Amino acid sequence: MSTGELKSTTPFLRFAVAGSLTRDYLVLPDGRVAVDILGGNLLYTAAGIALWDEAIGLLARISEDYPQEWLHQIKARGMDIRGIQVDIEPLEQRNFIAYPMLDQVAYDNPLAHFSRVGKPFPKSLLGYQPKNPGSINLMSQDTALRFKDIPFDFFDVTAAHICAMDYPSQTRLPSYLRQGHVATISLQASDDYMGSIYWERIGTVLKGINAFICTEKQIRNLFLGRSSDLWEMAEALTAFGTEFVVILTNNRRYFLYDQITKRKYEIPAYTTEIIDPTGSLESFCGGFLAGLRSHHQPLLSAMQGSISASITQEGIGPFYCMDSLPRLVNARLESLKLSVIQV
């Protein structure tokens, strides 16, 4: 069942984004909370694209109890929601994230974090259990996107991004999309397989991918016992065929390895006040893909991603960055160009 009654009037699409929609419960660094708000890596990525471009189609699966008004909000932002499929089977859509400190993140024990900031525990979060990495079945089909879930005209897009999601979706979607006109595909790594025990699977993930984006923690976990040099790791991943690897480092810099030119760049995160770090890397992915589709210059694309991420962090929710003035966006981009380092 699809969201047919909310059919989009978008005449054509340039981008497709596959990911998840969530109902977010946030305990922010300054002690504020956000309870049951619109979230999901799908929307943060799409908003990161929308800062630079338009005509975005969304692919996801949701439960029947997902708020219909949220789907209307997404559509009102100009995004095509025909690829959002409604499952009869219930899905866990709640997503809890707490930030005890600006550079710390926690995903469990929500009761303790609401108590820590002196806010009442939301009854709608009762019974919530975060995903346990030790119990993940990589081959589970429960949440996987299927070929038939993709509207026919989504195959006409020229650029697509696959958010961090289940392993079957991440490994199959590129081959599905390549059957159409998709020339550029980026993918954000999932914690599910970014560990040394899954080393043999990483080639399958990277097959058919132009750009791979991950965190320093993820890539170090993957290469544990093999390498400790980030640039060496990035170069090793391009041996599987991907052109560009981006690593968000622990000190909030973006390392970009360009396999085509063999060049290495450090792009700083644009300095700004951080209100809510949620979704910032996803927004980076969106800005990065928007650049690759427009001009296929990876360095400039990474700078665009850094700007998308910086604006997302200044507010709460996935659509905050979409309301930025073009003058602000361009000024930040020009400023960031002065801080890029070629290694």
C-alpha atoms as a PDB file:
ATOM      1  CA  MET A   1       0.000   0.000   0.000  1.00  0.00           C
ATOM      2  CA  SER A   2       1.413   3.417  -0.930  1.00  0.00           C
ATOM      3  CA  THR A   3       0.525   6.972  -0.020  1.00  0.00           C
ATOM      4  CA  GLY A   4      -1.494   7.272  -3.221  1.00  0.00           C
ATOM      5  CA  GLU A   5      -4.043   9.661  -1.757  1.00  0.00           C
ATOM      6  CA  LEU A   6      -1.218  12.134  -1.264  1.00  0.00           C
ATOM      7  CA  LYS A   7       0.066  11.822  -4.807  1.00  0.00           C
ATOM      8  CA  SER A   8       2.710  14.376  -5.690  1.00  0.00           C
ATOM      9  CA  THR A   9       2.334  16.798  -8.568  1.00  0.00           C
ATOM     10  CA  THR A  10       6.087  17.053  -9.133  1.00  0.00           C
ATOM     11  CA  PRO A  11       6.493  17.017 -12.945  1.00  0.00           C
ATOM     12  CA  PHE A  12       9.945  15.424 -12.894  1.00  0.00           C
ATOM     13  CA  LEU A  13      12.561  14.283 -10.415  1.00  0.00           C
ATOM     14  CA  ARG A  14      16.289  14.875 -10.235  1.00  0.00           C
ATOM     15  CA  PHE A  15      17.038  12.976  -7.021  1.00  0.00           C
ATOM     16  CA  ALA A  16      15.870   9.860  -5.205  1.00  0.00           C
ATOM     17  CA  VAL A  17      16.638   9.320  -1.516  1.00  0.00           C
ATOM     18  CA  ALA A  18      16.036   6.037   0.309  1.00  0.00           C
ATOM     19  CA  GLY A  19      15.996   5.910   4.085  1.00  0.00           C
ATOM     20  CA  SER A  20      13.816   5.915   7.174  1.00  0.00           C
ATOM     21  CA  LEU A  21      11.186   8.155   8.708  1.00  0.00           C
ATOM     22  CA  THR A  22      11.119   8.284  12.493  1.00  0.00           C
ATOM     23  CA  ARG A  23       9.258   9.786  15.414  1.00  0.00           C
ATOM     24  CA  ASP A  24      12.069  11.484  17.280  1.00  0.00           C
ATOM     25  CA  TYR A  25      12.492  11.994  21.021  1.00  0.00           C
ATOM     26  CA  LEU A  26      15.477  14.250  21.665  1.00  0.00           C
ATOM     27  CA  VAL A  27      17.273  15.450  24.797  1.00  0.00           C
ATOM     28  CA  LEU A  28      19.386  18.299  23.473  1.00  0.00           C
ATOM     29  CA  PRO A  29      22.785  19.506  24.734  1.00  0.00           C
ATOM     30  CA  ASP A  30      21.253  22.573  26.401  1.00  0.00           C
ATOM     31  CA  GLY A  31      18.718  20.487  28.343  1.00  0.00           C
ATOM     32  CA  ARG A  32      15.735  21.168  26.119  1.00  0.00           C
ATOM     33  CA  VAL A  33      13.686  18.227  24.888  1.00  0.00           C
ATOM     34  CA  ALA A  34      11.722  17.532  21.720  1.00  0.00           C
ATOM     35  CA  VAL A  35       9.004  14.921  22.065  1.00  0.00           C
ATOM     36  CA  ASP A  36       7.572  12.903  19.186  1.00  0.00           C
ATOM     37  CA  ILE A  37       8.670  15.178  16.366  1.00  0.00           C
ATOM     38  CA  LEU A  38       9.153  14.487  12.673  1.00  0.00           C
ATOM     39  CA  GLY A  39      12.555  12.933  12.013  1.00  0.00           C
ATOM     40  CA  GLY A  40      14.499  10.346  10.080  1.00  0.00           C
ATOM     41  CA  ASN A  41      17.686  10.177   8.025  1.00  0.00           C
ATOM     42  CA  LEU A  42      15.563  10.317   4.872  1.00  0.00           C
ATOM     43  CA  LEU A  43      14.363  13.853   5.590  1.00  0.00           C
ATOM     44  CA  TYR A  44      17.662  15.241   6.878  1.00  0.00           C
ATOM     45  CA  THR A  45      19.354  14.055   3.674  1.00  0.00           C
ATOM     46  CA  ALA A  46      16.595  15.403   1.458  1.00  0.00           C
ATOM     47  CA  ALA A  47      16.717  18.771   3.224  1.00  0.00           C
ATOM     48  CA  GLY A  48      20.490  18.879   2.714  1.00  0.00           C
ATOM     49  CA  ILE A  49      19.863  18.469  -1.008  1.00  0.00           C
ATOM     50  CA  ALA A  50      17.030  20.995  -1.013  1.00  0.00           C
ATOM     51  CA  LEU A  51      19.354  23.728   0.224  1.00  0.00           C
ATOM     52  CA  TRP A  52      21.010  23.561  -3.222  1.00  0.00           C
ATOM     53  CA  ASP A  53      18.559  21.915  -5.609  1.00  0.00           C
ATOM     54  CA  GLU A  54      15.029  20.558  -5.944  1.00  0.00           C
ATOM     55  CA  ALA A  55      12.822  17.773  -7.352  1.00  0.00           C
ATOM     56  CA  ILE A  56      13.477  15.056  -4.743  1.00  0.00           C
ATOM     57  CA  GLY A  57      11.660  11.736  -4.538  1.00  0.00           C
ATOM     58  CA  LEU A  58      11.567   9.810  -1.253  1.00  0.00           C
ATOM     59  CA  LEU A  59      11.697   6.040  -0.665  1.00  0.00           C
ATOM     60  CA  ALA A  60      10.806   4.561   2.725  1.00  0.00           C
ATOM     61  CA  ARG A  61       8.480   2.242   4.607  1.00  0.00           C
ATOM     62  CA  ILE A  62       6.229   3.398   7.445  1.00  0.00           C
ATOM     63  CA  SER A  63       3.549   1.939   9.716  1.00  0.00           C
ATOM     64  CA  GLU A  64      -0.138   2.667   9.341  1.00  0.00           C
ATOM     65  CA  ASP A  65      -0.021   4.759  12.513  1.00  0.00           C
ATOM     66  CA  TYR A  66       2.518   7.203  11.085  1.00  0.00           C
ATOM     67  CA  PRO A  67       0.898  10.674  11.358  1.00  0.00           C
ATOM     68  CA  GLN A  68      -0.809  11.613   8.111  1.00  0.00           C
ATOM     69  CA  GLU A  69      -0.285  15.301   8.827  1.00  0.00           C
ATOM     70  CA  TRP A  70       3.465  14.705   8.740  1.00  0.00           C
ATOM     71  CA  LEU A  71       3.163  13.276   5.234  1.00  0.00           C
ATOM     72  CA  HIS A  72       1.305  16.432   4.240  1.00  0.00           C
ATOM     73  CA  GLN A  73       4.112  18.532   5.748  1.00  0.00           C
ATOM     74  CA  ILE A  74       6.694  16.611   3.744  1.00  0.00           C
ATOM     75  CA  LYS A  75       4.711  17.030   0.552  1.00  0.00           C
ATOM     76  CA  ALA A  76       4.217  20.741   1.290  1.00  0.00           C
ATOM     77  CA  ARG A  77       8.011  21.074   1.268  1.00  0.00           C
ATOM     78  CA  GLY A  78       7.959  20.086  -2.402  1.00  0.00           C
ATOM     79  CA  MET A  79       9.101  16.490  -1.974  1.00  0.00           C
ATOM     80  CA  ASP A  80       7.581  13.569  -3.859  1.00  0.00           C
ATOM     81  CA  ILE A  81       6.187  11.065  -1.348  1.00  0.00           C
ATOM     82  CA  ARG A  82       4.843   8.408  -3.723  1.00  0.00           C
ATOM     83  CA  GLY A  83       7.750   6.129  -2.800  1.00  0.00           C
ATOM     84  CA  ILE A  84       6.765   6.088   0.880  1.00  0.00           C
ATOM     85  CA  GLN A  85       5.096   2.715   1.366  1.00  0.00           C
ATOM     86  CA  VAL A  86       2.658   2.012   4.212  1.00  0.00           C
ATOM     87  CA  ASP A  87       3.166  -1.371   5.877  1.00  0.00           C
ATOM     88  CA  ILE A  88       0.305  -3.289   7.456  1.00  0.00           C
ATOM     89  CA  GLU A  89       2.785  -4.855   9.866  1.00  0.00           C
ATOM     90  CA  PRO A  90       3.814  -2.491  12.694  1.00  0.00           C
ATOM     91  CA  LEU A  91       7.287  -0.954  12.547  1.00  0.00           C
ATOM     92  CA  GLU A  92       9.206   0.593  15.458  1.00  0.00           C
ATOM     93  CA  GLN A  93       9.355   4.212  14.348  1.00  0.00           C
ATOM     94  CA  ARG A  94      10.296   5.780  17.672  1.00  0.00           C
ATOM     95  CA  ASN A  95      13.864   7.049  17.837  1.00  0.00           C
ATOM     96  CA  PHE A  96      15.501   8.313  21.034  1.00  0.00           C
ATOM     97  CA  ILE A  97      18.696  10.385  21.032  1.00  0.00           C
ATOM     98  CA  ALA A  98      20.272  12.240  23.974  1.00  0.00           C
ATOM     99  CA  TYR A  99      23.276  14.534  24.099  1.00  0.00           C
ATOM    100  CA  PRO A 100      24.739  14.570  27.638  1.00  0.00           C
ATOM    101  CA  MET A 101      27.399  16.859  26.162  1.00  0.00           C
ATOM    102  CA  LEU A 102      27.773  18.456  22.753  1.00  0.00           C
ATOM    103  CA  ASP A 103      30.251  15.825  21.613  1.00  0.00           C
ATOM    104  CA  GLN A 104      28.535  12.876  23.297  1.00  0.00           C
ATOM    105  CA  VAL A 105      25.499  10.953  22.105  1.00  0.00           C
ATOM    106  CA  ALA A 106      23.400   8.261  23.800  1.00  0.00           C
ATOM    107  CA  TYR A 107      20.651   6.077  22.383  1.00  0.00           C
ATOM    108  CA  ASP A 108      19.509   4.105  25.430  1.00  0.00           C
ATOM    109  CA  ASN A 109      18.016   4.651  28.896  1.00  0.00           C
ATOM    110  CA  PRO A 110      15.685   7.527  27.921  1.00  0.00           C
ATOM    111  CA  LEU A 111      14.129   7.655  31.405  1.00  0.00           C
ATOM    112  CA  ALA A 112      17.483   8.593  32.950  1.00  0.00           C
ATOM    113  CA  HIS A 113      18.138  11.327  30.398  1.00  0.00           C
ATOM    114  CA  PHE A 114      14.714  12.969  30.779  1.00  0.00           C
ATOM    115  CA  SER A 115      15.221  12.825  34.554  1.00  0.00           C
ATOM    116  CA  ARG A 116      18.710  14.331  34.219  1.00  0.00           C
ATOM    117  CA  VAL A 117      17.309  17.488  32.591  1.00  0.00           C
ATOM    118  CA  GLY A 118      14.273  17.628  34.887  1.00  0.00           C
ATOM    119  CA  LYS A 119      11.670  16.927  32.190  1.00  0.00           C
ATOM    120  CA  PRO A 120       8.734  14.508  32.461  1.00  0.00           C
ATOM    121  CA  PHE A 121       9.155  11.172  30.724  1.00  0.00           C
ATOM    122  CA  PRO A 122       6.773  10.967  27.744  1.00  0.00           C
ATOM    123  CA  LYS A 123       4.259   8.139  28.076  1.00  0.00           C
ATOM    124  CA  SER A 124       4.457   7.570  24.321  1.00  0.00           C
ATOM    125  CA  LEU A 125       8.052   6.367  24.848  1.00  0.00           C
ATOM    126  CA  LEU A 126       7.081   3.610  27.303  1.00  0.00           C
ATOM    127  CA  GLY A 127       8.394   0.224  26.230  1.00  0.00           C
ATOM    128  CA  TYR A 128      10.960   1.678  23.842  1.00  0.00           C
ATOM    129  CA  GLN A 129      14.012  -0.483  23.268  1.00  0.00           C
ATOM    130  CA  PRO A 130      16.932   0.786  21.150  1.00  0.00           C
ATOM    131  CA  LYS A 131      18.279  -1.479  18.446  1.00  0.00           C
ATOM    132  CA  ASN A 132      20.819  -3.914  19.891  1.00  0.00           C
ATOM    133  CA  PRO A 133      23.794  -4.263  17.517  1.00  0.00           C
ATOM    134  CA  GLY A 134      24.489  -7.749  18.865  1.00  0.00           C
ATOM    135  CA  SER A 135      21.063  -9.020  17.784  1.00  0.00           C
ATOM    136  CA  ILE A 136      21.019  -7.596  14.244  1.00  0.00           C
ATOM    137  CA  ASN A 137      20.375 -10.067  11.450  1.00  0.00           C
ATOM    138  CA  LEU A 138      22.052  -8.535   8.404  1.00  0.00           C
ATOM    139  CA  MET A 139      19.944 -10.562   6.010  1.00  0.00           C
ATOM    140  CA  SER A 140      16.572  -9.767   7.586  1.00  0.00           C
ATOM    141  CA  GLN A 141      14.008  -8.631   5.022  1.00  0.00           C
ATOM    142  CA  ASP A 142      11.632  -7.068   7.568  1.00  0.00           C
ATOM    143  CA  THR A 143      12.355  -3.443   6.684  1.00  0.00           C
ATOM    144  CA  ALA A 144      13.980  -3.876   3.263  1.00  0.00           C
ATOM    145  CA  LEU A 145      12.849  -1.755   0.328  1.00  0.00           C
ATOM    146  CA  ARG A 146      11.827  -3.860  -2.651  1.00  0.00           C
ATOM    147  CA  PHE A 147      12.000  -3.226  -6.365  1.00  0.00           C
ATOM    148  CA  LYS A 148       8.216  -2.934  -6.559  1.00  0.00           C
ATOM    149  CA  ASP A 149       8.310  -0.185  -3.903  1.00  0.00           C
ATOM    150  CA  ILE A 150      10.008   2.188  -6.346  1.00  0.00           C
ATOM    151  CA  PRO A 151       7.654   4.288  -8.524  1.00  0.00           C
ATOM    152  CA  PHE A 152       8.446   3.849 -12.202  1.00  0.00           C
ATOM    153  CA  ASP A 153       9.508   7.457 -12.861  1.00  0.00           C
ATOM    154  CA  PHE A 154      11.985   7.366  -9.951  1.00  0.00           C
ATOM    155  CA  PHE A 155      14.236   5.423 -12.302  1.00  0.00           C
ATOM    156  CA  ASP A 156      14.554   8.571 -14.410  1.00  0.00           C
ATOM    157  CA  VAL A 157      16.460  10.500 -11.733  1.00  0.00           C
ATOM    158  CA  THR A 158      20.147  11.076 -12.367  1.00  0.00           C
ATOM    159  CA  ALA A 159      21.340  11.042  -8.736  1.00  0.00           C
ATOM    160  CA  ALA A 160      20.386   8.975  -5.707  1.00  0.00           C
ATOM    161  CA  HIS A 161      21.411   8.595  -2.077  1.00  0.00           C
ATOM    162  CA  ILE A 162      20.970   5.576   0.148  1.00  0.00           C
ATOM    163  CA  CYS A 163      20.848   6.463   3.834  1.00  0.00           C
ATOM    164  CA  ALA A 164      22.143   4.265   6.644  1.00  0.00           C
ATOM    165  CA  MET A 165      19.563   1.478   6.728  1.00  0.00           C
ATOM    166  CA  ASP A 166      19.222  -2.300   6.584  1.00  0.00           C
ATOM    167  CA  TYR A 167      21.872  -4.295   4.731  1.00  0.00           C
ATOM    168  CA  PRO A 168      19.545  -5.818   2.089  1.00  0.00           C
ATOM    169  CA  SER A 169      18.266  -2.376   1.059  1.00  0.00           C
ATOM    170  CA  GLN A 170      21.737  -0.848   0.902  1.00  0.00           C
ATOM    171  CA  THR A 171      23.149  -3.663  -1.208  1.00  0.00           C
ATOM    172  CA  ARG A 172      20.199  -4.080  -3.594  1.00  0.00           C
ATOM    173  CA  LEU A 173      19.007  -0.543  -4.233  1.00  0.00           C
ATOM    174  CA  PRO A 174      22.071   0.483  -6.298  1.00  0.00           C
ATOM    175  CA  SER A 175      21.464  -2.338  -8.777  1.00  0.00           C
ATOM    176  CA  TYR A 176      17.761  -1.495  -8.923  1.00  0.00           C
ATOM    177  CA  LEU A 177      18.454   2.179  -9.609  1.00  0.00           C
ATOM    178  CA  ARG A 178      21.181   1.478 -12.157  1.00  0.00           C
ATOM    179  CA  GLN A 179      18.498  -0.103 -14.343  1.00  0.00           C
ATOM    180  CA  GLY A 180      17.274   3.430 -14.970  1.00  0.00           C
ATOM    181  CA  HIS A 181      19.142   6.674 -15.660  1.00  0.00           C
ATOM    182  CA  VAL A 182      20.875   7.068 -12.301  1.00  0.00           C
ATOM    183  CA  ALA A 183      24.456   8.158 -12.976  1.00  0.00           C
ATOM    184  CA  THR A 184      25.529   9.073  -9.435  1.00  0.00           C
ATOM    185  CA  ILE A 185      24.817   7.086  -6.271  1.00  0.00           C
ATOM    186  CA  SER A 186      26.070   7.970  -2.793  1.00  0.00           C
ATOM    187  CA  LEU A 187      25.651   5.856   0.324  1.00  0.00           C
ATOM    188  CA  GLN A 188      26.007   6.539   4.043  1.00  0.00           C
ATOM    189  CA  ALA A 189      27.469   3.675   6.064  1.00  0.00           C
ATOM    190  CA  SER A 190      25.341   1.761   8.538  1.00  0.00           C
ATOM    191  CA  ASP A 191      26.653   0.685  11.944  1.00  0.00           C
ATOM    192  CA  ASP A 192      25.118  -2.740  11.276  1.00  0.00           C
ATOM    193  CA  TYR A 193      28.058  -3.937   9.174  1.00  0.00           C
ATOM    194  CA  MET A 194      30.845  -1.437   9.942  1.00  0.00           C
ATOM    195  CA  GLY A 195      32.823  -3.858  12.073  1.00  0.00           C
ATOM    196  CA  SER A 196      35.871  -5.986  11.426  1.00  0.00           C
ATOM    197  CA  ILE A 197      33.815  -9.205  11.577  1.00  0.00           C
ATOM    198  CA  TYR A 198      31.892  -8.021   8.498  1.00  0.00           C
ATOM    199  CA  TRP A 199      34.960  -7.137   6.420  1.00  0.00           C
ATOM    200  CA  GLU A 200      34.040  -9.660   3.730  1.00  0.00           C
ATOM    201  CA  ARG A 201      30.736  -7.864   3.142  1.00  0.00           C
ATOM    202  CA  ILE A 202      32.023  -4.338   2.554  1.00  0.00           C
ATOM    203  CA  GLY A 203      32.740  -4.996  -1.127  1.00  0.00           C
ATOM    204  CA  THR A 204      29.082  -5.891  -1.643  1.00  0.00           C
ATOM    205  CA  VAL A 205      28.013  -2.617  -0.014  1.00  0.00           C
ATOM    206  CA  LEU A 206      30.352  -0.549  -2.206  1.00  0.00           C
ATOM    207  CA  LYS A 207      29.460  -2.235  -5.492  1.00  0.00           C
ATOM    208  CA  GLY A 208      27.921   0.317  -7.848  1.00  0.00           C
ATOM    209  CA  ILE A 209      28.506   3.238  -5.456  1.00  0.00           C
ATOM    210  CA  ASN A 210      30.137   6.514  -6.547  1.00  0.00           C
ATOM    211  CA  ALA A 211      30.563   8.010  -3.072  1.00  0.00           C
ATOM    212  CA  PHE A 212      30.741   6.418   0.388  1.00  0.00           C
ATOM    213  CA  ILE A 213      30.292   8.512   3.549  1.00  0.00           C
ATOM    214  CA  CYS A 214      31.076   7.269   7.058  1.00  0.00           C
ATOM    215  CA  THR A 215      32.351   8.382  10.461  1.00  0.00           C
ATOM    216  CA  GLU A 216      35.849   7.896  11.831  1.00  0.00           C
ATOM    217  CA  LYS A 217      34.461   5.525  14.457  1.00  0.00           C
ATOM    218  CA  GLN A 218      32.803   3.382  11.804  1.00  0.00           C
ATOM    219  CA  ILE A 219      35.810   3.075   9.527  1.00  0.00           C
ATOM    220  CA  ARG A 220      38.165   2.359  12.444  1.00  0.00           C
ATOM    221  CA  ASN A 221      35.824  -0.413  13.589  1.00  0.00           C
ATOM    222  CA  LEU A 222      35.806  -1.856  10.075  1.00  0.00           C
ATOM    223  CA  PHE A 223      39.607  -1.752   9.703  1.00  0.00           C
ATOM    224  CA  LEU A 224      40.378  -2.887  13.254  1.00  0.00           C
ATOM    225  CA  GLY A 225      43.563  -4.934  13.053  1.00  0.00           C
ATOM    226  CA  ARG A 226      44.154  -3.961   9.428  1.00  0.00           C
ATOM    227  CA  SER A 227      45.083  -0.282   9.469  1.00  0.00           C
ATOM    228  CA  SER A 228      45.047   2.769  11.736  1.00  0.00           C
ATOM    229  CA  ASP A 229      45.652   5.448   9.076  1.00  0.00           C
ATOM    230  CA  LEU A 230      42.458   7.135   7.882  1.00  0.00           C
ATOM    231  CA  TRP A 231      43.797   8.010   4.447  1.00  0.00           C
ATOM    232  CA  GLU A 232      45.051   4.466   3.941  1.00  0.00           C
ATOM    233  CA  MET A 233      41.619   3.163   4.892  1.00  0.00           C
ATOM    234  CA  ALA A 234      39.849   5.536   2.518  1.00  0.00           C
ATOM    235  CA  GLU A 235      42.108   4.547  -0.358  1.00  0.00           C
ATOM    236  CA  ALA A 236      41.583   0.866   0.407  1.00  0.00           C
ATOM    237  CA  LEU A 237      37.805   1.271   0.107  1.00  0.00           C
ATOM    238  CA  THR A 238      38.126   2.785  -3.363  1.00  0.00           C
ATOM    239  CA  ALA A 239      39.667  -0.510  -4.498  1.00  0.00           C
ATOM    240  CA  PHE A 240      36.102  -1.844  -4.471  1.00  0.00           C
ATOM    241  CA  GLY A 241      35.161   0.636  -7.188  1.00  0.00           C
ATOM    242  CA  THR A 242      33.837   3.691  -5.365  1.00  0.00           C
ATOM    243  CA  GLU A 243      35.235   7.026  -6.586  1.00  0.00           C
ATOM    244  CA  PHE A 244      34.998   9.157  -3.448  1.00  0.00           C
ATOM    245  CA  VAL A 245      35.234   8.385   0.262  1.00  0.00           C
ATOM    246  CA  VAL A 246      34.301  10.952   2.906  1.00  0.00           C
ATOM    247  CA  ILE A 247      35.093  10.431   6.593  1.00  0.00           C
ATOM    248  CA  LEU A 248      33.658  12.653   9.327  1.00  0.00           C
ATOM    249  CA  THR A 249      36.495  12.714  11.867  1.00  0.00           C
ATOM    250  CA  ASN A 250      36.170  12.790  15.637  1.00  0.00           C
ATOM    251  CA  ASN A 251      37.302  16.430  15.655  1.00  0.00           C
ATOM    252  CA  ARG A 252      34.537  17.362  13.198  1.00  0.00           C
ATOM    253  CA  ARG A 253      36.465  17.619   9.956  1.00  0.00           C
ATOM    254  CA  TYR A 254      35.575  15.972   6.679  1.00  0.00           C
ATOM    255  CA  PHE A 255      38.341  13.937   5.054  1.00  0.00           C
ATOM    256  CA  LEU A 256      37.744  13.543   1.323  1.00  0.00           C
ATOM    257  CA  TYR A 257      39.673  11.028  -0.754  1.00  0.00           C
ATOM    258  CA  ASP A 258      39.244  11.418  -4.516  1.00  0.00           C
ATOM    259  CA  GLN A 259      40.217   8.156  -6.186  1.00  0.00           C
ATOM    260  CA  ILE A 260      40.086   9.674  -9.679  1.00  0.00           C
ATOM    261  CA  THR A 261      42.765  12.308  -9.000  1.00  0.00           C
ATOM    262  CA  LYS A 262      44.329  10.550  -5.961  1.00  0.00           C
ATOM    263  CA  ARG A 263      43.937  13.809  -4.028  1.00  0.00           C
ATOM    264  CA  LYS A 264      43.208  14.167  -0.320  1.00  0.00           C
ATOM    265  CA  TYR A 265      41.405  17.101   1.257  1.00  0.00           C
ATOM    266  CA  GLU A 266      40.438  18.229   4.738  1.00  0.00           C
ATOM    267  CA  ILE A 267      37.250  20.298   4.828  1.00  0.00           C
ATOM    268  CA  PRO A 268      36.344  21.830   8.189  1.00  0.00           C
ATOM    269  CA  ALA A 269      32.866  21.835   9.616  1.00  0.00           C
ATOM    270  CA  TYR A 270      31.649  25.407   9.285  1.00  0.00           C
ATOM    271  CA  THR A 271      31.917  27.020  12.730  1.00  0.00           C
ATOM    272  CA  THR A 272      28.503  27.846  14.117  1.00  0.00           C
ATOM    273  CA  GLU A 273      26.397  27.531  17.258  1.00  0.00           C
ATOM    274  CA  ILE A 274      25.160  23.948  17.567  1.00  0.00           C
ATOM    275  CA  ILE A 275      21.649  23.590  18.965  1.00  0.00           C
ATOM    276  CA  ASP A 276      20.868  20.068  17.776  1.00  0.00           C
ATOM    277  CA  PRO A 277      23.502  17.789  16.162  1.00  0.00           C
ATOM    278  CA  THR A 278      20.829  15.332  14.982  1.00  0.00           C
ATOM    279  CA  GLY A 279      20.948  14.662  11.258  1.00  0.00           C
ATOM    280  CA  SER A 280      23.967  16.815  10.504  1.00  0.00           C
ATOM    281  CA  LEU A 281      25.928  14.075   8.716  1.00  0.00           C
ATOM    282  CA  GLU A 282      22.789  13.149   6.789  1.00  0.00           C
ATOM    283  CA  SER A 283      22.420  16.769   5.700  1.00  0.00           C
ATOM    284  CA  PHE A 284      26.068  16.707   4.646  1.00  0.00           C
ATOM    285  CA  CYS A 285      25.283  13.710   2.452  1.00  0.00           C
ATOM    286  CA  GLY A 286      22.472  15.656   0.828  1.00  0.00           C
ATOM    287  CA  GLY A 287      24.566  18.719   0.062  1.00  0.00           C
ATOM    288  CA  PHE A 288      27.391  16.511  -1.186  1.00  0.00           C
ATOM    289  CA  LEU A 289      25.118  14.640  -3.604  1.00  0.00           C
ATOM    290  CA  ALA A 290      23.544  17.876  -4.836  1.00  0.00           C
ATOM    291  CA  GLY A 291      27.019  19.080  -5.778  1.00  0.00           C
ATOM    292  CA  LEU A 292      28.051  15.835  -7.452  1.00  0.00           C
ATOM    293  CA  ARG A 293      24.935  15.879  -9.593  1.00  0.00           C
ATOM    294  CA  SER A 294      25.367  19.534 -10.534  1.00  0.00           C
ATOM    295  CA  HIS A 295      29.075  19.712 -11.364  1.00  0.00           C
ATOM    296  CA  HIS A 296      30.752  16.438 -10.250  1.00  0.00           C
ATOM    297  CA  GLN A 297      33.499  18.331  -8.434  1.00  0.00           C
ATOM    298  CA  PRO A 298      33.960  16.344  -5.214  1.00  0.00           C
ATOM    299  CA  LEU A 299      35.782  19.075  -3.259  1.00  0.00           C
ATOM    300  CA  LEU A 300      33.162  21.724  -3.958  1.00  0.00           C
ATOM    301  CA  SER A 301      30.482  19.125  -3.288  1.00  0.00           C
ATOM    302  CA  ALA A 302      31.980  18.341   0.124  1.00  0.00           C
ATOM    303  CA  MET A 303      32.005  22.049   0.956  1.00  0.00           C
ATOM    304  CA  GLN A 304      28.324  22.230   0.029  1.00  0.00           C
ATOM    305  CA  GLY A 305      27.732  19.284   2.329  1.00  0.00           C
ATOM    306  CA  SER A 306      29.547  21.024   5.172  1.00  0.00           C
ATOM    307  CA  ILE A 307      27.312  24.071   4.751  1.00  0.00           C
ATOM    308  CA  SER A 308      24.142  21.950   4.748  1.00  0.00           C
ATOM    309  CA  ALA A 309      25.306  20.262   7.960  1.00  0.00           C
ATOM    310  CA  SER A 310      26.190  23.555   9.647  1.00  0.00           C
ATOM    311  CA  ILE A 311      22.775  25.094   9.067  1.00  0.00           C
ATOM    312  CA  THR A 312      20.925  21.935  10.121  1.00  0.00           C
ATOM    313  CA  GLN A 313      22.712  22.022  13.501  1.00  0.00           C
ATOM    314  CA  GLU A 314      21.515  25.544  14.223  1.00  0.00           C
ATOM    315  CA  GLY A 315      17.913  24.473  14.679  1.00  0.00           C
ATOM    316  CA  ILE A 316      15.681  21.534  15.539  1.00  0.00           C
ATOM    317  CA  GLY A 317      14.148  19.197  12.988  1.00  0.00           C
ATOM    318  CA  PRO A 318      15.004  18.141   9.440  1.00  0.00           C
ATOM    319  CA  PHE A 319      13.488  21.088   7.606  1.00  0.00           C
ATOM    320  CA  TYR A 320      15.227  23.877   9.502  1.00  0.00           C
ATOM    321  CA  CYS A 321      18.006  24.294   6.937  1.00  0.00           C
ATOM    322  CA  MET A 322      15.549  24.634   4.041  1.00  0.00           C
ATOM    323  CA  ASP A 323      14.478  28.058   5.270  1.00  0.00           C
ATOM    324  CA  SER A 324      17.951  29.579   4.954  1.00  0.00           C
ATOM    325  CA  LEU A 325      18.454  32.599   2.737  1.00  0.00           C
ATOM    326  CA  PRO A 326      20.540  31.940  -0.416  1.00  0.00           C
ATOM    327  CA  ARG A 327      22.742  34.898   0.483  1.00  0.00           C
ATOM    328  CA  LEU A 328      23.699  33.237   3.789  1.00  0.00           C
ATOM    329  CA  VAL A 329      24.395  29.917   2.073  1.00  0.00           C
ATOM    330  CA  ASN A 330      26.648  31.465  -0.566  1.00  0.00           C
ATOM    331  CA  ALA A 331      28.509  33.586   1.991  1.00  0.00           C
ATOM    332  CA  ARG A 332      29.290  30.525   4.074  1.00  0.00           C
ATOM    333  CA  LEU A 333      30.492  28.641   1.026  1.00  0.00           C
ATOM    334  CA  GLU A 334      32.892  31.428   0.054  1.00  0.00           C
ATOM    335  CA  SER A 335      34.191  31.610   3.625  1.00  0.00           C
ATOM    336  CA  LEU A 336      34.714  27.849   3.839  1.00  0.00           C
ATOM    337  CA  LYS A 337      36.819  27.807   0.662  1.00  0.00           C
ATOM    338  CA  LEU A 338      39.545  29.648   2.553  1.00  0.00           C
ATOM    339  CA  SER A 339      39.870  26.860   5.144  1.00  0.00           C
ATOM    340  CA  VAL A 340      40.205  23.792   2.911  1.00  0.00           C
ATOM    341  CA  ILE A 341      43.513  21.944   3.144  1.00  0.00           C
ATOM    342  CA  GLN A 342      44.927  19.703   0.445  1.00  0.00           C
ATOM    343  CA  VAL A 343      46.970  17.020   2.161  1.00  0.00           C
END
